[in-house]
Amino acid sequence: MEPVARKIFKGVLFLEVAGVAGAYLLFYRMDTSQDFRHTMNRRFPSILEEFITKAMNGLEFME
């Protein structure tokens, strides 16, 4: 693999890992903190709706 392609690949891989880590952190904070959920509801209601949808699907899967 050429050095330029390798650098691009590493950059894309880093951004992907950072995105997954950020999504996990956001999910964890909303799952454990009612105050954070309230803040998210005020600022970004669509994100909270998606969180509730995903959380409820997870609960249905576990039953």
PDB file of N, CA and C in Angstrom:
ATOM      1  N   MET A   1       0.851  -1.174   0.000  1.00  0.00           N
ATOM      2  CA  MET A   1       0.000   0.000   0.000  1.00  0.00           C
ATOM      3  C   MET A   1       0.899   1.239   0.000  1.00  0.00           C
ATOM      4  N   GLU A   2       0.506   2.228  -0.741  1.00  0.00           N
ATOM      5  CA  GLU A   2       1.310   3.440  -0.837  1.00  0.00           C
ATOM      6  C   GLU A   2       1.179   4.273   0.431  1.00  0.00           C
ATOM      7  N   PRO A   3       2.195   5.056   0.756  1.00  0.00           N
ATOM      8  CA  PRO A   3       2.169   5.840   1.998  1.00  0.00           C
ATOM      9  C   PRO A   3       0.968   6.788   2.097  1.00  0.00           C
ATOM     10  N   VAL A   4       0.574   7.418   0.995  1.00  0.00           N
ATOM     11  CA  VAL A   4      -0.564   8.346   1.032  1.00  0.00           C
ATOM     12  C   VAL A   4      -1.852   7.581   1.315  1.00  0.00           C
ATOM     13  N   ALA A   5      -2.031   6.454   0.656  1.00  0.00           N
ATOM     14  CA  ALA A   5      -3.230   5.639   0.868  1.00  0.00           C
ATOM     15  C   ALA A   5      -3.269   5.120   2.303  1.00  0.00           C
ATOM     16  N   ARG A   6      -2.113   4.765   2.839  1.00  0.00           N
ATOM     17  CA  ARG A   6      -2.047   4.270   4.214  1.00  0.00           C
ATOM     18  C   ARG A   6      -2.448   5.364   5.205  1.00  0.00           C
ATOM     19  N   LYS A   7      -1.995   6.605   4.971  1.00  0.00           N
ATOM     20  CA  LYS A   7      -2.348   7.721   5.850  1.00  0.00           C
ATOM     21  C   LYS A   7      -3.841   8.012   5.781  1.00  0.00           C
ATOM     22  N   ILE A   8      -4.395   7.956   4.585  1.00  0.00           N
ATOM     23  CA  ILE A   8      -5.838   8.183   4.430  1.00  0.00           C
ATOM     24  C   ILE A   8      -6.615   7.090   5.144  1.00  0.00           C
ATOM     25  N   PHE A   9      -6.187   5.843   4.980  1.00  0.00           N
ATOM     26  CA  PHE A   9      -6.855   4.723   5.638  1.00  0.00           C
ATOM     27  C   PHE A   9      -6.808   4.872   7.157  1.00  0.00           C
ATOM     28  N   LYS A  10      -5.647   5.241   7.691  1.00  0.00           N
ATOM     29  CA  LYS A  10      -5.521   5.420   9.139  1.00  0.00           C
ATOM     30  C   LYS A  10      -6.413   6.559   9.623  1.00  0.00           C
ATOM     31  N   GLY A  11      -6.508   7.634   8.847  1.00  0.00           N
ATOM     32  CA  GLY A  11      -7.357   8.762   9.221  1.00  0.00           C
ATOM     33  C   GLY A  11      -8.828   8.374   9.250  1.00  0.00           C
ATOM     34  N   VAL A  12      -9.257   7.659   8.214  1.00  0.00           N
ATOM     35  CA  VAL A  12     -10.653   7.213   8.157  1.00  0.00           C
ATOM     36  C   VAL A  12     -10.946   6.242   9.292  1.00  0.00           C
ATOM     37  N   LEU A  13     -10.026   5.335   9.554  1.00  0.00           N
ATOM     38  CA  LEU A  13     -10.208   4.379  10.643  1.00  0.00           C
ATOM     39  C   LEU A  13     -10.298   5.092  11.994  1.00  0.00           C
ATOM     40  N   PHE A  14      -9.434   6.082  12.205  1.00  0.00           N
ATOM     41  CA  PHE A  14      -9.472   6.854  13.451  1.00  0.00           C
ATOM     42  C   PHE A  14     -10.804   7.576  13.610  1.00  0.00           C
ATOM     43  N   LEU A  15     -11.290   8.217  12.542  1.00  0.00           N
ATOM     44  CA  LEU A  15     -12.577   8.923  12.612  1.00  0.00           C
ATOM     45  C   LEU A  15     -13.730   7.958  12.902  1.00  0.00           C
ATOM     46  N   GLU A  16     -13.663   6.777  12.317  1.00  0.00           N
ATOM     47  CA  GLU A  16     -14.712   5.773  12.553  1.00  0.00           C
ATOM     48  C   GLU A  16     -14.722   5.329  14.021  1.00  0.00           C
ATOM     49  N   VAL A  17     -13.550   5.044  14.564  1.00  0.00           N
ATOM     50  CA  VAL A  17     -13.451   4.623  15.969  1.00  0.00           C
ATOM     51  C   VAL A  17     -13.898   5.752  16.891  1.00  0.00           C
ATOM     52  N   ALA A  18     -13.511   6.988  16.574  1.00  0.00           N
ATOM     53  CA  ALA A  18     -13.927   8.134  17.389  1.00  0.00           C
ATOM     54  C   ALA A  18     -15.441   8.316  17.343  1.00  0.00           C
ATOM     55  N   GLY A  19     -16.049   8.104  16.180  1.00  0.00           N
ATOM     56  CA  GLY A  19     -17.504   8.214  16.056  1.00  0.00           C
ATOM     57  C   GLY A  19     -18.238   7.162  16.868  1.00  0.00           C
ATOM     58  N   VAL A  20     -17.750   5.944  16.830  1.00  0.00           N
ATOM     59  CA  VAL A  20     -18.374   4.855  17.601  1.00  0.00           C
ATOM     60  C   VAL A  20     -18.219   5.122  19.101  1.00  0.00           C
ATOM     61  N   ALA A  21     -17.031   5.577  19.513  1.00  0.00           N
ATOM     62  CA  ALA A  21     -16.808   5.881  20.925  1.00  0.00           C
ATOM     63  C   ALA A  21     -17.709   7.031  21.384  1.00  0.00           C
ATOM     64  N   GLY A  22     -17.865   8.044  20.549  1.00  0.00           N
ATOM     65  CA  GLY A  22     -18.742   9.167  20.889  1.00  0.00           C
ATOM     66  C   GLY A  22     -20.197   8.745  20.995  1.00  0.00           C
ATOM     67  N   ALA A  23     -20.641   7.896  20.083  1.00  0.00           N
ATOM     68  CA  ALA A  23     -22.022   7.413  20.126  1.00  0.00           C
ATOM     69  C   ALA A  23     -22.262   6.575  21.383  1.00  0.00           C
ATOM     70  N   TYR A  24     -21.281   5.742  21.744  1.00  0.00           N
ATOM     71  CA  TYR A  24     -21.413   4.937  22.958  1.00  0.00           C
ATOM     72  C   TYR A  24     -21.469   5.820  24.197  1.00  0.00           C
ATOM     73  N   LEU A  25     -20.600   6.835  24.238  1.00  0.00           N
ATOM     74  CA  LEU A  25     -20.582   7.737  25.383  1.00  0.00           C
ATOM     75  C   LEU A  25     -21.914   8.476  25.514  1.00  0.00           C
ATOM     76  N   LEU A  26     -22.446   8.936  24.399  1.00  0.00           N
ATOM     77  CA  LEU A  26     -23.742   9.623  24.418  1.00  0.00           C
ATOM     78  C   LEU A  26     -24.838   8.683  24.903  1.00  0.00           C
ATOM     79  N   PHE A  27     -24.864   7.450  24.403  1.00  0.00           N
ATOM     80  CA  PHE A  27     -25.866   6.471  24.818  1.00  0.00           C
ATOM     81  C   PHE A  27     -25.735   6.168  26.314  1.00  0.00           C
ATOM     82  N   TYR A  28     -24.486   5.990  26.771  1.00  0.00           N
ATOM     83  CA  TYR A  28     -24.253   5.687  28.184  1.00  0.00           C
ATOM     84  C   TYR A  28     -24.726   6.829  29.076  1.00  0.00           C
ATOM     85  N   ARG A  29     -24.406   8.059  28.696  1.00  0.00           N
ATOM     86  CA  ARG A  29     -24.814   9.213  29.507  1.00  0.00           C
ATOM     87  C   ARG A  29     -26.328   9.334  29.555  1.00  0.00           C
ATOM     88  N   MET A  30     -27.005   9.116  28.429  1.00  0.00           N
ATOM     89  CA  MET A  30     -28.463   9.204  28.424  1.00  0.00           C
ATOM     90  C   MET A  30     -29.084   8.051  29.201  1.00  0.00           C
ATOM     91  N   ASP A  31     -28.424   6.918  29.221  1.00  0.00           N
ATOM     92  CA  ASP A  31     -28.950   5.754  29.916  1.00  0.00           C
ATOM     93  C   ASP A  31     -28.814   5.878  31.429  1.00  0.00           C
ATOM     94  N   THR A  32     -27.795   6.599  31.902  1.00  0.00           N
ATOM     95  CA  THR A  32     -27.517   6.629  33.335  1.00  0.00           C
ATOM     96  C   THR A  32     -27.884   7.934  34.026  1.00  0.00           C
ATOM     97  N   SER A  33     -28.135   9.016  33.272  1.00  0.00           N
ATOM     98  CA  SER A  33     -28.358  10.315  33.905  1.00  0.00           C
ATOM     99  C   SER A  33     -29.680  10.929  33.439  1.00  0.00           C
ATOM    100  N   GLN A  34     -30.606  11.071  34.366  1.00  0.00           N
ATOM    101  CA  GLN A  34     -31.887  11.678  34.032  1.00  0.00           C
ATOM    102  C   GLN A  34     -31.713  13.164  33.700  1.00  0.00           C
ATOM    103  N   ASP A  35     -30.804  13.846  34.386  1.00  0.00           N
ATOM    104  CA  ASP A  35     -30.549  15.253  34.091  1.00  0.00           C
ATOM    105  C   ASP A  35     -30.016  15.425  32.667  1.00  0.00           C
ATOM    106  N   PHE A  36     -29.135  14.537  32.246  1.00  0.00           N
ATOM    107  CA  PHE A  36     -28.590  14.618  30.893  1.00  0.00           C
ATOM    108  C   PHE A  36     -29.688  14.361  29.864  1.00  0.00           C
ATOM    109  N   ARG A  37     -30.577  13.404  30.132  1.00  0.00           N
ATOM    110  CA  ARG A  37     -31.702  13.164  29.223  1.00  0.00           C
ATOM    111  C   ARG A  37     -32.582  14.390  29.118  1.00  0.00           C
ATOM    112  N   HIS A  38     -32.815  15.066  30.227  1.00  0.00           N
ATOM    113  CA  HIS A  38     -33.640  16.281  30.213  1.00  0.00           C
ATOM    114  C   HIS A  38     -32.962  17.372  29.371  1.00  0.00           C
ATOM    115  N   THR A  39     -31.651  17.522  29.528  1.00  0.00           N
ATOM    116  CA  THR A  39     -30.905  18.502  28.732  1.00  0.00           C
ATOM    117  C   THR A  39     -30.981  18.158  27.250  1.00  0.00           C
ATOM    118  N   MET A  40     -30.824  16.894  26.924  1.00  0.00           N
ATOM    119  CA  MET A  40     -30.910  16.469  25.521  1.00  0.00           C
ATOM    120  C   MET A  40     -32.305  16.713  24.965  1.00  0.00           C
ATOM    121  N   ASN A  41     -33.324  16.534  25.789  1.00  0.00           N
ATOM    122  CA  ASN A  41     -34.695  16.755  25.347  1.00  0.00           C
ATOM    123  C   ASN A  41     -34.922  18.224  25.013  1.00  0.00           C
ATOM    124  N   ARG A  42     -34.341  19.112  25.821  1.00  0.00           N
ATOM    125  CA  ARG A  42     -34.495  20.542  25.550  1.00  0.00           C
ATOM    126  C   ARG A  42     -33.710  20.971  24.316  1.00  0.00           C
ATOM    127  N   ARG A  43     -32.496  20.468  24.163  1.00  0.00           N
ATOM    128  CA  ARG A  43     -31.627  20.929  23.074  1.00  0.00           C
ATOM    129  C   ARG A  43     -31.825  20.177  21.769  1.00  0.00           C
ATOM    130  N   PHE A  44     -31.922  18.853  21.849  1.00  0.00           N
ATOM    131  CA  PHE A  44     -32.005  18.007  20.650  1.00  0.00           C
ATOM    132  C   PHE A  44     -33.089  16.950  20.843  1.00  0.00           C
ATOM    133  N   PRO A  45     -34.349  17.315  20.711  1.00  0.00           N
ATOM    134  CA  PRO A  45     -35.422  16.339  20.967  1.00  0.00           C
ATOM    135  C   PRO A  45     -35.381  15.128  20.033  1.00  0.00           C
ATOM    136  N   SER A  46     -34.907  15.288  18.805  1.00  0.00           N
ATOM    137  CA  SER A  46     -34.888  14.151  17.877  1.00  0.00           C
ATOM    138  C   SER A  46     -33.889  13.084  18.325  1.00  0.00           C
ATOM    139  N   ILE A  47     -32.775  13.493  18.947  1.00  0.00           N
ATOM    140  CA  ILE A  47     -31.793  12.522  19.437  1.00  0.00           C
ATOM    141  C   ILE A  47     -32.395  11.713  20.586  1.00  0.00           C
ATOM    142  N   LEU A  48     -33.126  12.377  21.464  1.00  0.00           N
ATOM    143  CA  LEU A  48     -33.751  11.664  22.583  1.00  0.00           C
ATOM    144  C   LEU A  48     -34.811  10.694  22.084  1.00  0.00           C
ATOM    145  N   GLU A  49     -35.595  11.088  21.072  1.00  0.00           N
ATOM    146  CA  GLU A  49     -36.594  10.178  20.517  1.00  0.00           C
ATOM    147  C   GLU A  49     -35.935   8.926  19.947  1.00  0.00           C
ATOM    148  N   GLU A  50     -34.821   9.104  19.261  1.00  0.00           N
ATOM    149  CA  GLU A  50     -34.096   7.949  18.698  1.00  0.00           C
ATOM    150  C   GLU A  50     -33.541   7.065  19.810  1.00  0.00           C
ATOM    151  N   PHE A  51     -33.033   7.680  20.871  1.00  0.00           N
ATOM    152  CA  PHE A  51     -32.520   6.916  22.012  1.00  0.00           C
ATOM    153  C   PHE A  51     -33.631   6.063  22.622  1.00  0.00           C
ATOM    154  N   ILE A  52     -34.798   6.655  22.821  1.00  0.00           N
ATOM    155  CA  ILE A  52     -35.915   5.922  23.420  1.00  0.00           C
ATOM    156  C   ILE A  52     -36.325   4.762  22.518  1.00  0.00           C
ATOM    157  N   THR A  53     -36.366   5.006  21.206  1.00  0.00           N
ATOM    158  CA  THR A  53     -36.718   3.942  20.262  1.00  0.00           C
ATOM    159  C   THR A  53     -35.723   2.791  20.350  1.00  0.00           C
ATOM    160  N   LYS A  54     -34.435   3.111  20.343  1.00  0.00           N
ATOM    161  CA  LYS A  54     -33.406   2.065  20.404  1.00  0.00           C
ATOM    162  C   LYS A  54     -33.428   1.338  21.750  1.00  0.00           C
ATOM    163  N   ALA A  55     -33.625   2.089  22.834  1.00  0.00           N
ATOM    164  CA  ALA A  55     -33.645   1.472  24.161  1.00  0.00           C
ATOM    165  C   ALA A  55     -34.838   0.535  24.294  1.00  0.00           C
ATOM    166  N   MET A  56     -35.987   0.928  23.801  1.00  0.00           N
ATOM    167  CA  MET A  56     -37.174   0.078  23.887  1.00  0.00           C
ATOM    168  C   MET A  56     -37.034  -1.169  23.023  1.00  0.00           C
ATOM    169  N   ASN A  57     -36.412  -1.040  21.860  1.00  0.00           N
ATOM    170  CA  ASN A  57     -36.164  -2.217  21.023  1.00  0.00           C
ATOM    171  C   ASN A  57     -35.227  -3.181  21.735  1.00  0.00           C
ATOM    172  N   GLY A  58     -34.252  -2.666  22.451  1.00  0.00           N
ATOM    173  CA  GLY A  58     -33.339  -3.522  23.211  1.00  0.00           C
ATOM    174  C   GLY A  58     -34.054  -4.255  24.317  1.00  0.00           C
ATOM    175  N   LEU A  59     -34.993  -3.590  24.981  1.00  0.00           N
ATOM    176  CA  LEU A  59     -35.749  -4.240  26.059  1.00  0.00           C
ATOM    177  C   LEU A  59     -36.640  -5.327  25.510  1.00  0.00           C
ATOM    178  N   GLU A  60     -37.270  -5.088  24.356  1.00  0.00           N
ATOM    179  CA  GLU A  60     -38.106  -6.104  23.742  1.00  0.00           C
ATOM    180  C   GLU A  60     -37.280  -7.323  23.335  1.00  0.00           C
ATOM    181  N   PHE A  61     -36.063  -7.079  22.871  1.00  0.00           N
ATOM    182  CA  PHE A  61     -35.184  -8.174  22.460  1.00  0.00           C
ATOM    183  C   PHE A  61     -34.799  -9.047  23.651  1.00  0.00           C
ATOM    184  N   MET A  62     -34.628  -8.429  24.825  1.00  0.00           N
ATOM    185  CA  MET A  62     -34.197  -9.173  26.012  1.00  0.00           C
ATOM    186  C   MET A  62     -35.316 -10.010  26.617  1.00  0.00           C
ATOM    187  N   GLU A  63     -36.554  -9.683  26.333  1.00  0.00           N
ATOM    188  CA  GLU A  63     -37.677 -10.418  26.937  1.00  0.00           C
ATOM    189  C   GLU A  63     -37.913 -11.751  26.295  1.00  0.00           C
TER     190      GLU A  63
END
